């Protein structure tokens, strides 16, 4: 993932902040002949760097690229396991900062319904903010839920207060990434988050292995108006879902403001 942020701050004009794949700002930036950034700052210092240039409350425009993301799944972060009041084993971290899908399987509808239970998620979002949430596991039939936050890192997923009807046989809980990508905006409060433009780059490959004969890129608009946006979580689920073979890249141009 990579990004480029432009600060729109009349009468200063456009000031480009060079940002690497980890969200760090680096280099020497001068505004009106004065140096406002010299050297490098971490992702945690991004907000301060922007405010030093434009002041709080300015509109920020940022392009974020996701290269070859795989589609959503239900079990690669936490394998499907029989629920019990323990911390679940995290099998792998999300490949990008994404919301998580929680797959609850009820072995026999109603007969083994989950009558009580909570799943507590703790982690870090796309901007390095600590996030936590509680998700009810109560279900009469199998269901797929989605987390409120995007997780770059999932620190823990803990079940508590679990109870089920009958024996609970066949009930499982698993976690995997959704198709909702977390867009980095800088640590701290963010407002007026919006998707301005979405572009997809589909690689068309003819042949396989050592017998690939043609490799072309097809760049097209991905219709920002029909993407799913969560302004609170700062996430985008593109109109075109990621391909099973990872042959679709995305570029999202988003705008937002930083609080004072």
C-alpha atoms as a PDB file:
ATOM      1  CA  UNK A   1       0.000   0.000   0.000  1.00  0.00           C
ATOM      2  CA  UNK A   2       1.269   3.488  -0.719  1.00  0.00           C
ATOM      3  CA  UNK A   3      -0.141   6.979  -0.584  1.00  0.00           C
ATOM      4  CA  UNK A   4       0.288  10.622  -1.492  1.00  0.00           C
ATOM      5  CA  UNK A   5      -1.367  13.356   0.513  1.00  0.00           C
ATOM      6  CA  UNK A   6      -2.098  16.859  -0.715  1.00  0.00           C
ATOM      7  CA  UNK A   7      -3.074  19.637   1.671  1.00  0.00           C
ATOM      8  CA  UNK A   8      -5.507  22.126   0.184  1.00  0.00           C
ATOM      9  CA  UNK A   9      -5.019  25.322   2.131  1.00  0.00           C
ATOM     10  CA  UNK A  10      -5.610  28.593   0.269  1.00  0.00           C
ATOM     11  CA  UNK A  11      -3.799  30.876  -0.075  1.00  0.00           C
ATOM     12  CA  UNK A  12      -0.876  28.534   0.557  1.00  0.00           C
ATOM     13  CA  UNK A  13      -2.036  26.253  -2.274  1.00  0.00           C
ATOM     14  CA  UNK A  14      -1.313  22.583  -2.754  1.00  0.00           C
ATOM     15  CA  UNK A  15       1.474  21.126  -0.636  1.00  0.00           C
ATOM     16  CA  UNK A  16       2.417  17.518  -1.321  1.00  0.00           C
ATOM     17  CA  UNK A  17       3.529  15.377   1.604  1.00  0.00           C
ATOM     18  CA  UNK A  18       5.662  12.393   0.521  1.00  0.00           C
ATOM     19  CA  UNK A  19       4.354   9.369   2.401  1.00  0.00           C
ATOM     20  CA  UNK A  20       5.845   5.888   2.324  1.00  0.00           C
ATOM     21  CA  UNK A  21       4.015   2.552   2.557  1.00  0.00           C
ATOM     22  CA  UNK A  22       4.149   2.679   6.362  1.00  0.00           C
ATOM     23  CA  UNK A  23       2.489   6.095   6.529  1.00  0.00           C
ATOM     24  CA  UNK A  24       5.702   7.964   7.399  1.00  0.00           C
ATOM     25  CA  UNK A  25       6.271  11.493   6.094  1.00  0.00           C
ATOM     26  CA  UNK A  26       9.843  12.325   5.107  1.00  0.00           C
ATOM     27  CA  UNK A  27      11.900  14.957   3.339  1.00  0.00           C
ATOM     28  CA  UNK A  28      12.157  18.737   3.484  1.00  0.00           C
ATOM     29  CA  UNK A  29       8.950  20.684   2.933  1.00  0.00           C
ATOM     30  CA  UNK A  30       8.895  24.454   2.601  1.00  0.00           C
ATOM     31  CA  UNK A  31       5.864  26.700   2.555  1.00  0.00           C
ATOM     32  CA  UNK A  32       6.247  30.354   1.608  1.00  0.00           C
ATOM     33  CA  UNK A  33       9.997  30.019   2.010  1.00  0.00           C
ATOM     34  CA  UNK A  34       9.824  28.607   5.541  1.00  0.00           C
ATOM     35  CA  UNK A  35      10.667  25.015   6.457  1.00  0.00           C
ATOM     36  CA  UNK A  36       7.753  23.289   8.176  1.00  0.00           C
ATOM     37  CA  UNK A  37       9.116  19.740   7.987  1.00  0.00           C
ATOM     38  CA  UNK A  38      12.762  18.751   7.905  1.00  0.00           C
ATOM     39  CA  UNK A  39      13.704  15.108   8.109  1.00  0.00           C
ATOM     40  CA  UNK A  40      11.116  12.451   8.880  1.00  0.00           C
ATOM     41  CA  UNK A  41       8.183  11.900  11.176  1.00  0.00           C
ATOM     42  CA  UNK A  42       6.385   8.688  12.043  1.00  0.00           C
ATOM     43  CA  UNK A  43       2.783   7.960  11.261  1.00  0.00           C
ATOM     44  CA  UNK A  44       1.994   9.314  14.737  1.00  0.00           C
ATOM     45  CA  UNK A  45       3.471  12.659  13.705  1.00  0.00           C
ATOM     46  CA  UNK A  46       1.526  12.892  10.466  1.00  0.00           C
ATOM     47  CA  UNK A  47      -1.305  14.952  11.908  1.00  0.00           C
ATOM     48  CA  UNK A  48       1.121  17.421  13.470  1.00  0.00           C
ATOM     49  CA  UNK A  49       2.967  17.781  10.155  1.00  0.00           C
ATOM     50  CA  UNK A  50      -0.246  18.542   8.276  1.00  0.00           C
ATOM     51  CA  UNK A  51      -1.416  21.044  10.873  1.00  0.00           C
ATOM     52  CA  UNK A  52       1.971  22.761  10.780  1.00  0.00           C
ATOM     53  CA  UNK A  53       1.470  23.315   7.053  1.00  0.00           C
ATOM     54  CA  UNK A  54      -2.227  23.996   6.726  1.00  0.00           C
ATOM     55  CA  UNK A  55      -3.673  24.396  10.168  1.00  0.00           C
ATOM     56  CA  UNK A  56      -6.407  22.190  11.678  1.00  0.00           C
ATOM     57  CA  UNK A  57      -9.715  21.758   9.898  1.00  0.00           C
ATOM     58  CA  UNK A  58      -8.276  21.912   6.382  1.00  0.00           C
ATOM     59  CA  UNK A  59      -9.491  19.497   3.715  1.00  0.00           C
ATOM     60  CA  UNK A  60      -6.997  16.733   2.950  1.00  0.00           C
ATOM     61  CA  UNK A  61      -6.988  14.720  -0.282  1.00  0.00           C
ATOM     62  CA  UNK A  62      -5.127  11.408  -0.295  1.00  0.00           C
ATOM     63  CA  UNK A  63      -4.598   8.643  -2.817  1.00  0.00           C
ATOM     64  CA  UNK A  64      -4.184   5.152  -1.356  1.00  0.00           C
ATOM     65  CA  UNK A  65      -3.226   2.138  -3.443  1.00  0.00           C
ATOM     66  CA  UNK A  66      -3.944  -1.504  -2.587  1.00  0.00           C
ATOM     67  CA  UNK A  67      -1.940  -3.960  -4.675  1.00  0.00           C
ATOM     68  CA  UNK A  68      -3.331  -7.416  -5.500  1.00  0.00           C
ATOM     69  CA  UNK A  69      -5.580  -7.820  -2.432  1.00  0.00           C
ATOM     70  CA  UNK A  70      -7.253 -11.186  -2.003  1.00  0.00           C
ATOM     71  CA  UNK A  71     -11.025 -11.351  -1.458  1.00  0.00           C
ATOM     72  CA  UNK A  72     -12.831 -11.545   1.865  1.00  0.00           C
ATOM     73  CA  UNK A  73     -12.917 -14.830   3.738  1.00  0.00           C
ATOM     74  CA  UNK A  74     -14.250 -16.180   7.028  1.00  0.00           C
ATOM     75  CA  UNK A  75     -11.456 -18.109   8.715  1.00  0.00           C
ATOM     76  CA  UNK A  76      -7.902 -17.011   7.841  1.00  0.00           C
ATOM     77  CA  UNK A  77      -7.506 -14.693  10.855  1.00  0.00           C
ATOM     78  CA  UNK A  78      -9.051 -17.096  13.377  1.00  0.00           C
ATOM     79  CA  UNK A  79      -9.789 -20.650  12.258  1.00  0.00           C
ATOM     80  CA  UNK A  80     -13.331 -21.896  12.924  1.00  0.00           C
ATOM     81  CA  UNK A  81     -13.392 -23.355  16.437  1.00  0.00           C
ATOM     82  CA  UNK A  82     -15.993 -24.526  18.926  1.00  0.00           C
ATOM     83  CA  UNK A  83     -16.796 -21.500  21.121  1.00  0.00           C
ATOM     84  CA  UNK A  84     -15.614 -21.513  24.723  1.00  0.00           C
ATOM     85  CA  UNK A  85     -14.712 -18.804  27.218  1.00  0.00           C
ATOM     86  CA  UNK A  86     -11.094 -18.347  26.121  1.00  0.00           C
ATOM     87  CA  UNK A  87      -8.882 -16.113  24.014  1.00  0.00           C
ATOM     88  CA  UNK A  88      -9.092 -17.436  20.460  1.00  0.00           C
ATOM     89  CA  UNK A  89      -5.882 -18.338  18.641  1.00  0.00           C
ATOM     90  CA  UNK A  90      -4.987 -15.778  15.977  1.00  0.00           C
ATOM     91  CA  UNK A  91      -3.773 -17.773  12.968  1.00  0.00           C
ATOM     92  CA  UNK A  92      -2.729 -14.784  10.835  1.00  0.00           C
ATOM     93  CA  UNK A  93      -3.025 -11.013  10.727  1.00  0.00           C
ATOM     94  CA  UNK A  94      -5.203  -9.285   8.102  1.00  0.00           C
ATOM     95  CA  UNK A  95      -3.204  -8.825   4.863  1.00  0.00           C
ATOM     96  CA  UNK A  96      -4.183  -5.135   4.825  1.00  0.00           C
ATOM     97  CA  UNK A  97      -6.018  -3.021   7.368  1.00  0.00           C
ATOM     98  CA  UNK A  98      -9.585  -4.253   6.908  1.00  0.00           C
ATOM     99  CA  UNK A  99     -12.779  -4.731   8.821  1.00  0.00           C
ATOM    100  CA  UNK A 100     -13.151  -8.310  10.034  1.00  0.00           C
ATOM    101  CA  UNK A 101     -15.925 -10.781   9.309  1.00  0.00           C
ATOM    102  CA  UNK A 102     -17.112 -12.906  12.217  1.00  0.00           C
ATOM    103  CA  UNK A 103     -18.621 -16.170  11.024  1.00  0.00           C
ATOM    104  CA  UNK A 104     -20.938 -17.797  13.563  1.00  0.00           C
ATOM    105  CA  UNK A 105     -22.091 -21.281  12.624  1.00  0.00           C
ATOM    106  CA  UNK A 106     -25.023 -22.837  14.512  1.00  0.00           C
ATOM    107  CA  UNK A 107     -24.817 -26.621  14.244  1.00  0.00           C
ATOM    108  CA  UNK A 108     -28.602 -27.081  14.273  1.00  0.00           C
ATOM    109  CA  UNK A 109     -30.798 -24.030  13.819  1.00  0.00           C
ATOM    110  CA  UNK A 110     -32.577 -23.121  17.087  1.00  0.00           C
ATOM    111  CA  UNK A 111     -31.681 -26.487  18.693  1.00  0.00           C
ATOM    112  CA  UNK A 112     -28.086 -25.417  19.412  1.00  0.00           C
ATOM    113  CA  UNK A 113     -28.728 -21.667  19.344  1.00  0.00           C
ATOM    114  CA  UNK A 114     -26.173 -19.483  21.128  1.00  0.00           C
ATOM    115  CA  UNK A 115     -28.137 -17.903  23.963  1.00  0.00           C
ATOM    116  CA  UNK A 116     -25.343 -15.815  25.485  1.00  0.00           C
ATOM    117  CA  UNK A 117     -21.814 -14.784  24.652  1.00  0.00           C
ATOM    118  CA  UNK A 118     -19.550 -11.879  23.782  1.00  0.00           C
ATOM    119  CA  UNK A 119     -16.541 -11.596  21.485  1.00  0.00           C
ATOM    120  CA  UNK A 120     -14.118  -8.828  22.483  1.00  0.00           C
ATOM    121  CA  UNK A 121     -11.773  -7.617  19.756  1.00  0.00           C
ATOM    122  CA  UNK A 122      -8.663  -5.597  20.611  1.00  0.00           C
ATOM    123  CA  UNK A 123      -6.210  -4.237  18.075  1.00  0.00           C
ATOM    124  CA  UNK A 124      -4.808  -1.324  16.091  1.00  0.00           C
ATOM    125  CA  UNK A 125      -6.485   0.394  13.138  1.00  0.00           C
ATOM    126  CA  UNK A 126      -4.999   1.686   9.876  1.00  0.00           C
ATOM    127  CA  UNK A 127      -3.696   4.840  11.566  1.00  0.00           C
ATOM    128  CA  UNK A 128      -2.136   3.189  14.586  1.00  0.00           C
ATOM    129  CA  UNK A 129      -5.045   4.076  16.867  1.00  0.00           C
ATOM    130  CA  UNK A 130      -5.886   1.520  19.555  1.00  0.00           C
ATOM    131  CA  UNK A 131      -9.379   0.129  18.921  1.00  0.00           C
ATOM    132  CA  UNK A 132     -11.610  -2.276  20.801  1.00  0.00           C
ATOM    133  CA  UNK A 133     -15.174  -3.489  20.421  1.00  0.00           C
ATOM    134  CA  UNK A 134     -17.613  -6.085  21.735  1.00  0.00           C
ATOM    135  CA  UNK A 135     -19.703  -8.263  19.437  1.00  0.00           C
ATOM    136  CA  UNK A 136     -22.682 -10.294  20.615  1.00  0.00           C
ATOM    137  CA  UNK A 137     -22.545 -13.952  19.624  1.00  0.00           C
ATOM    138  CA  UNK A 138     -26.228 -14.587  20.295  1.00  0.00           C
ATOM    139  CA  UNK A 139     -27.746 -16.281  17.228  1.00  0.00           C
ATOM    140  CA  UNK A 140     -30.502 -18.800  16.463  1.00  0.00           C
ATOM    141  CA  UNK A 141     -29.066 -19.584  13.015  1.00  0.00           C
ATOM    142  CA  UNK A 142     -25.720 -19.255  11.283  1.00  0.00           C
ATOM    143  CA  UNK A 143     -24.738 -15.652  10.537  1.00  0.00           C
ATOM    144  CA  UNK A 144     -21.847 -13.510   9.336  1.00  0.00           C
ATOM    145  CA  UNK A 145     -21.230 -10.273  11.224  1.00  0.00           C
ATOM    146  CA  UNK A 146     -18.757  -7.479  10.571  1.00  0.00           C
ATOM    147  CA  UNK A 147     -16.536  -5.527  12.933  1.00  0.00           C
ATOM    148  CA  UNK A 148     -17.051  -1.797  13.426  1.00  0.00           C
ATOM    149  CA  UNK A 149     -13.342  -1.027  13.004  1.00  0.00           C
ATOM    150  CA  UNK A 150     -10.661  -1.847  10.474  1.00  0.00           C
ATOM    151  CA  UNK A 151      -7.756  -3.817  11.951  1.00  0.00           C
ATOM    152  CA  UNK A 152      -4.190  -3.519  10.738  1.00  0.00           C
ATOM    153  CA  UNK A 153      -3.301  -5.715  13.714  1.00  0.00           C
ATOM    154  CA  UNK A 154      -5.622  -7.899  15.769  1.00  0.00           C
ATOM    155  CA  UNK A 155      -4.098  -8.234  19.233  1.00  0.00           C
ATOM    156  CA  UNK A 156      -6.726 -10.474  20.776  1.00  0.00           C
ATOM    157  CA  UNK A 157     -10.166 -11.995  20.221  1.00  0.00           C
ATOM    158  CA  UNK A 158     -11.704 -13.260  23.449  1.00  0.00           C
ATOM    159  CA  UNK A 159     -14.994 -15.091  24.028  1.00  0.00           C
ATOM    160  CA  UNK A 160     -16.750 -14.653  27.385  1.00  0.00           C
ATOM    161  CA  UNK A 161     -20.119 -15.563  28.873  1.00  0.00           C
ATOM    162  CA  UNK A 162     -20.765 -18.220  26.237  1.00  0.00           C
ATOM    163  CA  UNK A 163     -23.855 -20.441  26.526  1.00  0.00           C
ATOM    164  CA  UNK A 164     -25.800 -22.519  23.991  1.00  0.00           C
ATOM    165  CA  UNK A 165     -29.006 -24.514  23.882  1.00  0.00           C
ATOM    166  CA  UNK A 166     -28.745 -28.269  24.100  1.00  0.00           C
ATOM    167  CA  UNK A 167     -25.237 -29.586  23.624  1.00  0.00           C
ATOM    168  CA  UNK A 168     -24.112 -26.780  21.318  1.00  0.00           C
ATOM    169  CA  UNK A 169     -22.791 -29.461  18.975  1.00  0.00           C
ATOM    170  CA  UNK A 170     -21.591 -28.114  15.643  1.00  0.00           C
ATOM    171  CA  UNK A 171     -21.375 -24.480  16.748  1.00  0.00           C
ATOM    172  CA  UNK A 172     -18.231 -22.650  15.605  1.00  0.00           C
ATOM    173  CA  UNK A 173     -16.787 -19.133  15.461  1.00  0.00           C
ATOM    174  CA  UNK A 174     -14.190 -17.938  12.930  1.00  0.00           C
ATOM    175  CA  UNK A 175     -12.755 -14.615  11.737  1.00  0.00           C
ATOM    176  CA  UNK A 176     -11.470 -13.402   8.397  1.00  0.00           C
ATOM    177  CA  UNK A 177     -10.940 -10.124   6.528  1.00  0.00           C
ATOM    178  CA  UNK A 178     -13.865  -8.360   4.854  1.00  0.00           C
ATOM    179  CA  UNK A 179     -13.644  -6.340   1.630  1.00  0.00           C
ATOM    180  CA  UNK A 180     -13.749  -3.069   3.627  1.00  0.00           C
ATOM    181  CA  UNK A 181     -10.287  -1.480   3.376  1.00  0.00           C
ATOM    182  CA  UNK A 182      -9.031   0.934   6.027  1.00  0.00           C
ATOM    183  CA  UNK A 183      -7.837   4.224   4.510  1.00  0.00           C
ATOM    184  CA  UNK A 184      -4.956   5.849   6.446  1.00  0.00           C
ATOM    185  CA  UNK A 185      -5.773   9.427   7.464  1.00  0.00           C
ATOM    186  CA  UNK A 186      -3.391  10.185  10.351  1.00  0.00           C
ATOM    187  CA  UNK A 187      -3.844   9.555  14.045  1.00  0.00           C
ATOM    188  CA  UNK A 188      -6.536  11.395  15.953  1.00  0.00           C
ATOM    189  CA  UNK A 189     -10.069  12.549  15.108  1.00  0.00           C
ATOM    190  CA  UNK A 190     -10.997  12.708  11.415  1.00  0.00           C
ATOM    191  CA  UNK A 191     -14.083  14.365   9.953  1.00  0.00           C
ATOM    192  CA  UNK A 192     -15.958  14.631   6.648  1.00  0.00           C
ATOM    193  CA  UNK A 193     -14.434  11.417   5.272  1.00  0.00           C
ATOM    194  CA  UNK A 194     -15.516  10.800   1.669  1.00  0.00           C
ATOM    195  CA  UNK A 195     -14.511   8.714  -1.342  1.00  0.00           C
ATOM    196  CA  UNK A 196     -13.862  11.056  -4.268  1.00  0.00           C
ATOM    197  CA  UNK A 197     -12.588   8.624  -6.903  1.00  0.00           C
ATOM    198  CA  UNK A 198     -12.122   4.847  -7.195  1.00  0.00           C
ATOM    199  CA  UNK A 199     -10.010   3.224  -9.901  1.00  0.00           C
ATOM    200  CA  UNK A 200      -9.300  -0.441 -10.573  1.00  0.00           C
ATOM    201  CA  UNK A 201      -6.431  -1.953 -12.519  1.00  0.00           C
ATOM    202  CA  UNK A 202      -7.230  -5.473 -13.725  1.00  0.00           C
ATOM    203  CA  UNK A 203      -4.371  -7.604 -15.006  1.00  0.00           C
ATOM    204  CA  UNK A 204      -5.381  -9.824 -17.910  1.00  0.00           C
ATOM    205  CA  UNK A 205      -3.070 -12.839 -18.056  1.00  0.00           C
ATOM    206  CA  UNK A 206      -3.109 -15.346 -20.911  1.00  0.00           C
ATOM    207  CA  UNK A 207      -1.393 -18.632 -20.118  1.00  0.00           C
ATOM    208  CA  UNK A 208       0.108 -19.765 -16.816  1.00  0.00           C
ATOM    209  CA  UNK A 209       3.417 -20.501 -15.180  1.00  0.00           C
ATOM    210  CA  UNK A 210       6.262 -20.355 -17.692  1.00  0.00           C
ATOM    211  CA  UNK A 211       3.736 -20.385 -20.539  1.00  0.00           C
ATOM    212  CA  UNK A 212       2.308 -16.881 -20.001  1.00  0.00           C
ATOM    213  CA  UNK A 213       1.969 -15.343 -23.450  1.00  0.00           C
ATOM    214  CA  UNK A 214       0.185 -12.043 -22.732  1.00  0.00           C
ATOM    215  CA  UNK A 215       0.056  -9.713 -19.725  1.00  0.00           C
ATOM    216  CA  UNK A 216      -1.997  -6.536 -20.034  1.00  0.00           C
ATOM    217  CA  UNK A 217      -3.387  -3.985 -17.589  1.00  0.00           C
ATOM    218  CA  UNK A 218      -6.943  -2.703 -17.970  1.00  0.00           C
ATOM    219  CA  UNK A 219      -7.516   0.494 -15.980  1.00  0.00           C
ATOM    220  CA  UNK A 220     -11.113   1.537 -15.388  1.00  0.00           C
ATOM    221  CA  UNK A 221     -13.303   3.631 -13.134  1.00  0.00           C
ATOM    222  CA  UNK A 222     -14.734   1.609 -10.244  1.00  0.00           C
ATOM    223  CA  UNK A 223     -17.769   3.867  -9.603  1.00  0.00           C
ATOM    224  CA  UNK A 224     -17.172   5.590  -6.297  1.00  0.00           C
ATOM    225  CA  UNK A 225     -20.893   6.330  -5.887  1.00  0.00           C
ATOM    226  CA  UNK A 226     -21.742   2.637  -5.440  1.00  0.00           C
ATOM    227  CA  UNK A 227     -18.864   1.745  -3.122  1.00  0.00           C
ATOM    228  CA  UNK A 228     -19.692   1.196   0.555  1.00  0.00           C
ATOM    229  CA  UNK A 229     -18.195   3.884   2.789  1.00  0.00           C
ATOM    230  CA  UNK A 230     -17.967   3.932   6.582  1.00  0.00           C
ATOM    231  CA  UNK A 231     -17.106   7.493   7.564  1.00  0.00           C
ATOM    232  CA  UNK A 232     -16.478   6.625  11.212  1.00  0.00           C
ATOM    233  CA  UNK A 233     -14.123   3.712  10.516  1.00  0.00           C
ATOM    234  CA  UNK A 234     -12.649   5.420   7.408  1.00  0.00           C
ATOM    235  CA  UNK A 235     -13.135   2.343   5.261  1.00  0.00           C
ATOM    236  CA  UNK A 236     -14.001   1.704   1.616  1.00  0.00           C
ATOM    237  CA  UNK A 237     -15.536  -1.491   0.204  1.00  0.00           C
ATOM    238  CA  UNK A 238     -15.059  -1.118  -3.558  1.00  0.00           C
ATOM    239  CA  UNK A 239     -17.859  -1.618  -6.065  1.00  0.00           C
ATOM    240  CA  UNK A 240     -15.818  -4.401  -7.681  1.00  0.00           C
ATOM    241  CA  UNK A 241     -14.821  -7.000  -5.088  1.00  0.00           C
ATOM    242  CA  UNK A 242     -11.215  -8.232  -5.044  1.00  0.00           C
ATOM    243  CA  UNK A 243     -10.505 -11.097  -7.434  1.00  0.00           C
ATOM    244  CA  UNK A 244      -9.856 -14.614  -6.163  1.00  0.00           C
ATOM    245  CA  UNK A 245      -6.493 -14.625  -7.932  1.00  0.00           C
ATOM    246  CA  UNK A 246      -5.490 -11.183  -6.651  1.00  0.00           C
ATOM    247  CA  UNK A 247      -5.267  -9.702 -10.156  1.00  0.00           C
ATOM    248  CA  UNK A 248      -7.106  -6.460  -9.381  1.00  0.00           C
ATOM    249  CA  UNK A 249      -5.398  -3.404  -7.841  1.00  0.00           C
ATOM    250  CA  UNK A 250      -7.238  -0.404  -6.419  1.00  0.00           C
ATOM    251  CA  UNK A 251      -6.559   3.305  -6.095  1.00  0.00           C
ATOM    252  CA  UNK A 252      -8.866   5.291  -3.823  1.00  0.00           C
ATOM    253  CA  UNK A 253      -8.826   9.086  -3.643  1.00  0.00           C
ATOM    254  CA  UNK A 254     -10.400  10.170  -0.366  1.00  0.00           C
ATOM    255  CA  UNK A 255     -10.907  13.539   1.276  1.00  0.00           C
ATOM    256  CA  UNK A 256     -11.240  14.342   4.972  1.00  0.00           C
ATOM    257  CA  UNK A 257     -10.472  16.930   7.616  1.00  0.00           C
ATOM    258  CA  UNK A 258      -8.309  16.794  10.712  1.00  0.00           C
ATOM    259  CA  UNK A 259      -9.777  18.060  13.964  1.00  0.00           C
ATOM    260  CA  UNK A 260      -8.234  20.951  15.836  1.00  0.00           C
END
